[in-house]
Protein backbone atom coordinates (compact mmCIF):
# COMPACT_ATOMS: atom_id res chain seq x y z
CA MET A 1 20.44 -8.54 -1.63
CA LEU A 2 16.58 -9.01 -0.87
CA GLN A 3 16.53 -12.67 -2.07
CA ARG A 4 19.84 -13.67 -0.20
CA LEU A 5 18.25 -12.21 3.03
CA LEU A 6 14.17 -14.14 2.60
CA ASN A 7 16.03 -17.85 1.62
CA PRO A 8 16.65 -19.42 5.02
CA PHE A 9 13.89 -17.20 6.22
CA ILE A 10 11.69 -19.06 3.09
CA ARG A 11 13.53 -22.44 4.25
CA LEU A 12 12.62 -22.36 8.00
CA ASN A 13 8.65 -21.10 7.27
CA GLN A 14 8.57 -24.25 4.14
CA ARG A 15 9.42 -26.71 7.39
CA HIS A 16 7.52 -25.21 9.81
CA ARG A 17 4.43 -25.96 7.25
CA SER A 18 5.25 -29.36 6.65
CA LEU A 19 4.96 -30.13 10.06
CA THR A 20 2.05 -28.54 11.30
CA CYS A 21 -0.10 -28.58 8.71
CA LYS A 22 -0.40 -32.48 8.99
CA GLY A 23 -1.64 -31.95 12.52
CA LEU A 24 -4.19 -29.01 11.78
CA LYS A 25 -5.48 -31.02 8.36
CA ALA A 26 -8.26 -32.15 10.39
CA LEU A 27 -9.24 -29.30 12.10
CA CYS A 28 -9.04 -27.45 8.86
CA ILE A 29 -11.63 -29.87 7.44
CA HIS A 30 -13.91 -29.33 9.83
CA GLN A 31 -13.44 -25.54 10.18
CA LEU A 32 -14.32 -25.62 6.11
CA HIS A 33 -18.13 -26.90 7.32
CA THR A 34 -17.94 -23.90 9.98
CA SER A 35 -16.11 -20.73 8.73
CA GLY A 36 -15.45 -21.51 5.41
CA ALA A 37 -12.51 -21.87 3.46
CA GLU A 38 -10.58 -18.96 3.98
CA PHE A 39 -9.75 -20.68 7.40
CA THR A 40 -8.34 -23.36 5.77
CA HIS A 41 -6.37 -21.55 3.68
CA SER A 42 -4.64 -19.33 6.41
CA TYR A 43 -4.17 -21.90 8.58
CA CYS A 44 -2.60 -24.53 5.83
CA ASP A 45 -0.88 -21.75 3.98
CA GLY A 46 0.03 -19.62 6.08
CA LEU A 47 -2.29 -16.50 7.33
CA TYR A 48 -2.30 -15.72 3.95
CA PRO A 49 -1.13 -16.04 0.48
CA GLY A 50 2.42 -15.24 0.23
CA HIS A 51 2.82 -14.53 4.08
CA ILE A 52 6.33 -15.56 5.18
CA GLN A 53 6.42 -15.72 9.28
CA THR A 54 9.72 -14.36 10.77
CA THR A 55 10.89 -13.50 14.25
CA ALA A 56 11.49 -10.06 15.90
CA PHE A 57 15.41 -10.69 15.23
CA GLN A 58 14.97 -11.54 11.58
CA LYS A 59 12.13 -8.40 11.11
CA ALA A 60 15.09 -6.25 12.19
CA LEU A 61 17.47 -7.50 10.12
CA LEU A 62 15.62 -7.20 7.29
CA ALA A 63 14.34 -3.75 8.37
CA VAL A 64 18.22 -2.46 8.23
CA GLY A 65 18.74 -4.18 4.87
CA SER A 66 15.90 -3.06 2.92
CA GLY A 67 16.76 0.64 4.75
CA VAL A 68 19.84 0.86 3.43
CA ALA A 69 18.93 -0.40 -0.04
CA ALA A 70 16.05 1.81 -0.37
CA LEU A 71 18.06 5.00 1.15
CA HIS A 72 20.47 4.19 -1.66
CA ASP A 73 17.81 3.83 -4.46
CA PRO A 74 14.40 5.43 -3.76
CA TYR A 75 12.24 3.93 -6.32
CA ARG A 76 13.68 0.32 -5.57
CA HIS A 77 9.83 -0.55 -4.31
CA ASP A 78 10.72 -3.71 -3.74
CA MET A 79 12.78 -2.73 -0.37
CA VAL A 80 10.43 -0.16 0.24
CA ALA A 81 7.92 -3.05 0.97
CA VAL A 82 9.87 -4.94 3.13
CA LEU A 83 10.92 -1.71 5.10
CA GLY A 84 7.05 -0.72 5.72
CA GLU A 85 6.01 -4.28 6.71
CA THR A 86 8.84 -4.46 9.33
CA THR A 87 8.43 -1.43 10.94
CA GLY A 88 4.99 -0.66 11.00
CA HIS A 89 2.94 -2.66 13.58
CA LEU A 90 1.87 -0.20 15.79
CA ALA A 91 0.88 2.20 12.80
CA LEU A 92 -1.20 -0.37 11.31
CA ILE A 93 -2.80 -1.20 14.62
CA ASN A 94 -3.52 2.62 15.14
CA LEU A 95 -4.92 2.99 11.31
CA ARG A 96 -7.18 -0.29 11.60
CA ASP A 97 -9.11 1.22 14.91
CA ARG A 98 -9.34 4.67 12.95
CA MET A 99 -10.93 2.70 9.90
CA LYS A 100 -13.23 0.35 12.56
CA ASN A 101 -14.49 3.41 13.77
CA ASP A 102 -15.46 5.02 10.26
CA PRO A 103 -18.55 3.58 8.79
CA GLU A 104 -17.03 3.54 5.26
CA GLY A 105 -13.80 2.59 6.24
CA TYR A 106 -15.42 -0.67 8.43
CA THR A 107 -17.07 -1.27 5.28
CA ILE A 108 -13.82 -1.15 3.08
CA LEU A 109 -12.34 -3.82 6.14
CA THR A 110 -15.50 -6.22 5.76
CA GLU A 111 -15.28 -5.68 1.85
CA ARG A 112 -11.54 -5.95 1.03
CA PRO A 113 -11.88 -4.03 -2.36
CA ARG A 114 -8.38 -4.03 -4.52
CA ILE A 115 -7.29 -1.42 -6.67
CA ARG A 116 -5.92 -3.37 -9.50
CA LEU A 117 -6.21 -2.82 -13.44
CA SER A 118 -8.18 -6.07 -13.54
CA THR A 119 -10.55 -3.93 -10.89
CA LEU A 120 -10.88 -0.45 -12.68
CA ASP A 121 -13.03 0.37 -15.71
CA LEU A 122 -10.38 2.19 -17.75
CA GLU A 123 -13.00 2.95 -20.50
CA LYS A 124 -15.73 4.33 -18.09
CA MET A 125 -13.36 6.22 -16.21
CA ALA A 126 -12.05 8.33 -19.69
CA THR A 127 -15.42 9.14 -20.21
CA LEU A 128 -16.07 10.74 -16.92
CA PRO A 129 -15.67 14.72 -17.30
CA ASP A 130 -12.49 16.73 -16.49
CA GLY A 131 -12.53 17.51 -13.08
CA THR A 132 -13.95 14.31 -11.88
CA PHE A 133 -11.65 11.88 -9.71
CA GLY A 134 -11.80 8.93 -11.56
CA ARG A 135 -10.97 11.17 -14.80
CA GLU A 136 -7.81 12.98 -12.86
CA TYR A 137 -6.81 9.75 -11.50
CA LEU A 138 -6.57 8.23 -15.06
CA ARG A 139 -4.87 11.51 -16.04
CA PHE A 140 -2.38 10.78 -13.62
CA LEU A 141 -1.45 7.52 -14.13
CA GLU A 142 -0.81 8.20 -18.17
CA ASP A 143 1.09 11.31 -17.21
CA ASN A 144 3.37 9.82 -15.10
CA LYS A 145 3.30 6.35 -16.69
CA VAL A 146 2.52 3.92 -13.62
CA THR A 147 0.08 1.43 -12.96
CA PRO A 148 -2.13 0.69 -9.71
CA ASP A 149 -0.48 -2.96 -10.60
CA SER A 150 3.41 -2.40 -9.76
CA ARG A 151 2.19 -2.62 -5.93
CA ALA A 152 3.94 -5.48 -4.30
CA GLU A 153 1.72 -7.91 -2.32
CA VAL A 154 2.37 -8.24 1.40
CA LYS A 155 4.24 -11.08 2.73
CA PHE A 156 6.14 -9.98 6.78
CA VAL A 157 3.46 -9.07 8.54
CA ASP A 158 1.86 -11.80 10.89
CA ASN A 159 -1.48 -10.15 11.13
CA GLU A 160 -4.24 -11.07 8.30
CA GLU A 161 -6.26 -8.08 8.58
CA LEU A 162 -3.27 -5.66 9.13
CA ALA A 163 -1.60 -7.08 6.36
CA TYR A 164 -4.34 -5.91 4.55
CA ILE A 165 -4.33 -2.35 5.79
CA MET A 166 -0.94 -2.22 4.35
CA LEU A 167 -1.83 -3.73 1.34
CA ARG A 168 -4.60 -0.91 0.93
CA TYR A 169 -1.92 1.93 1.67
CA ARG A 170 0.06 0.73 -1.04
CA GLU A 171 -2.46 0.70 -3.64
CA VAL A 172 -4.18 3.73 -2.23
CA HIS A 173 -0.94 5.63 -2.49
CA ASP A 174 -1.00 6.95 -5.96
CA LEU A 175 -5.02 8.42 -5.27
CA LEU A 176 -3.14 10.48 -2.62
CA HIS A 177 -1.09 11.52 -5.65
CA THR A 178 -4.17 12.54 -7.10
CA LEU A 179 -5.29 14.16 -4.18
CA LEU A 180 -2.29 16.00 -3.78
CA GLY A 181 -1.94 17.12 -7.17
CA MET A 182 1.49 15.74 -7.09
CA PRO A 183 3.75 14.07 -9.43
CA THR A 184 6.31 11.13 -9.07
CA ASN A 185 9.19 12.68 -9.66
CA MET A 186 11.32 12.94 -6.38
CA LEU A 187 9.58 16.16 -5.25
CA GLY A 188 6.21 15.05 -5.47
CA GLU A 189 7.17 11.74 -3.80
CA VAL A 190 9.04 13.58 -0.65
CA ALA A 191 5.84 15.58 -0.42
CA VAL A 192 3.40 12.91 -0.85
CA LYS A 193 5.76 10.82 1.76
CA TRP A 194 5.29 14.09 4.00
CA PHE A 195 1.51 13.67 4.02
CA GLU A 196 2.21 10.23 4.36
CA ALA A 197 3.77 10.34 7.80
CA ALA A 198 1.80 12.94 9.40
CA GLN A 199 -1.13 10.73 8.25
CA THR A 200 -0.77 7.77 9.00
CA GLY A 201 2.44 7.65 11.56
CA LEU A 202 4.36 4.69 9.11
CA PRO A 203 7.94 4.47 10.09
CA MET A 204 8.82 3.49 6.69
CA CYS A 205 6.78 7.13 5.93
CA ALA A 206 9.03 9.38 8.26
CA LEU A 207 12.20 7.58 7.21
CA GLY A 208 11.28 8.56 3.28
CA ALA A 209 10.60 12.26 4.57
CA LEU A 210 13.20 13.19 6.48
CA LEU A 211 15.74 10.83 4.43
CA GLY A 212 14.04 12.18 0.70
CA PRO A 213 15.37 15.82 0.76
CA LEU A 214 18.55 14.98 0.85
CA ARG A 215 18.29 13.69 -2.60
CA LEU A 216 16.72 17.37 -4.02
CA ASN A 217 18.60 20.18 -5.25
CA ALA A 218 18.52 23.29 -4.14
CA SER A 219 15.76 24.99 -5.68
CA ARG A 220 13.64 22.15 -5.27
CA LEU A 221 14.51 22.00 -1.33
CA GLN A 222 13.70 25.67 -1.18
CA SER A 223 10.04 24.76 -2.64
CA LEU A 224 10.28 21.99 -0.47
CA PHE A 225 10.86 23.68 2.87
CA THR A 226 8.84 26.89 2.25
CA SER A 227 5.71 25.71 0.40
CA LEU A 228 4.93 22.26 -0.43
CA GLY A 229 6.29 20.63 3.27
CA PRO A 230 4.36 22.78 5.45
CA TRP A 231 1.51 22.08 3.53
CA ALA A 232 1.69 18.40 3.46
CA LEU A 233 2.11 18.15 7.12
CA GLN A 234 -0.66 20.31 7.81
CA ASN A 235 -3.01 18.77 5.94
CA GLY A 236 -2.09 14.87 6.68
CA ARG A 237 -2.82 15.96 10.08
CA ARG A 238 -5.97 17.20 9.91
CA ALA A 239 -7.15 15.22 7.29
CA ARG A 240 -9.65 12.17 7.66
CA CYS A 241 -8.24 8.85 7.51
CA VAL A 242 -7.67 8.61 3.73
CA LEU A 243 -7.67 4.77 4.56
CA SER A 244 -11.64 5.12 5.28
CA ILE A 245 -12.43 6.07 1.60
CA PHE A 246 -14.44 3.62 -0.76
CA TYR A 247 -11.99 5.54 -3.86
CA GLU A 248 -13.92 2.86 -6.01
CA ARG A 249 -17.06 4.03 -5.44
CA ARG A 250 -16.06 8.38 -5.97
CA TRP A 251 -14.63 8.03 -9.37
CA GLU A 252 -17.60 10.21 -10.54
CA GLN A 253 -16.94 12.78 -7.78
CA ARG A 254 -15.46 15.85 -8.25
CA LEU A 255 -11.97 16.09 -6.88
CA GLU A 256 -12.68 19.29 -5.86
CA ASP A 257 -15.40 18.38 -3.46
CA LEU A 258 -13.43 15.13 -2.36
CA ARG A 259 -10.79 17.20 -1.04
CA GLN A 260 -12.94 19.52 0.62
CA GLU A 261 -14.76 16.41 2.26
CA LEU A 262 -11.32 14.99 3.30
CA ASN A 263 -9.94 18.43 4.57
CA ILE A 264 -7.40 18.54 2.25
CA GLN A 265 -6.35 21.79 0.82
CA PRO A 266 -4.92 22.11 -2.96
CA PRO A 267 -1.49 22.22 -3.38
CA PRO A 268 0.75 25.53 -3.06
CA VAL A 269 2.73 25.14 -5.85
CA ILE A 270 2.35 22.92 -9.31
CA LEU A 271 4.49 20.49 -10.51
CA SER A 272 5.22 18.76 -13.50
CA ALA A 273 5.12 15.30 -14.37
CA SER A 274 8.42 15.46 -16.04
CA ASN A 275 11.87 14.31 -15.23
CA ARG A 276 10.18 11.50 -13.13
CA ARG A 277 13.45 10.48 -11.59
CA GLY A 278 15.10 13.88 -11.76
CA ALA A 279 15.92 15.67 -8.43
C-alpha cells in the first residue's frame, strides 16, 4: 500500500532533481569550499538522504492512507512513521524551539547523535550495575526482543533540522519505554503514547493515544483509565523535554535519579513484557 502511494511522488521527485541538479552544480561546487559537503548533498541529492519532496495535497493523501493502515495494524511501524511525518510539522517546530532553549538539547541539535547498534557499546552496558539507565535499557531490549535499528529513516519532512528531530524522537522511543517502565505489549505502547502525546504534541501520538484503547480488553482498559493513563498524561505534561536529554552520556546514571531529574514518577503498575501483541 505504501509503495503504491509513493511511486508517483518518487517519479515526480526524480524528474525534478534531474532538471534542477544540473543548474545547481556550479553553486554546489563553489559552496563546497565555503560551507562543506553537507550543502552539496542537500541540494543535489534532496534535503537529506532519502528525502521525498511532496506537496500539501500529497501529504494529506499519505496521512489518510497511512492512518487507516496504522489503525488496522498498530504494529505497522512504516505506516505509523509516514503518518507522523506528514502531520507533525507544527509540533516539530515547537520541539525544535524547546531543544534550542535547553543547553543539552542545543548540543544534541549541534552534534546530531544517533542511537543504533553501531553506536552502542552493548558489552559495556551489560557490565553496568542493575538499576543504572544503560543496564535497564539493555534489559528492556532483551526482554522485549527489540532493536534500536528497527526505526525507519525520515522521508517526508521538508526541513533537514526538523527531519533530524523526528528521527531523534523515533530513536529515543525505546528509551522512553525504559524511563516509564513500560513493555511493548499493547497496554504499554498505549501508555507511552499518552505520555508522548502530552509531551510532544505530535498528532500521530494523539491519534495513537485516542484509538489505541480500542484494541484493549476490559481489564486493561480499566488499568489504563484508572491508573496508567492519568499517570502518563500528568508526567508527559510536567516532564522536562525528553528530546533534550543526551541519553548516550547517561548510561551510568541511576534510572531513579534520571527520572527525578526529568520530573517523571515511577509507574503505578508494573507490567510484564510477555504477550507482546496481546490486548
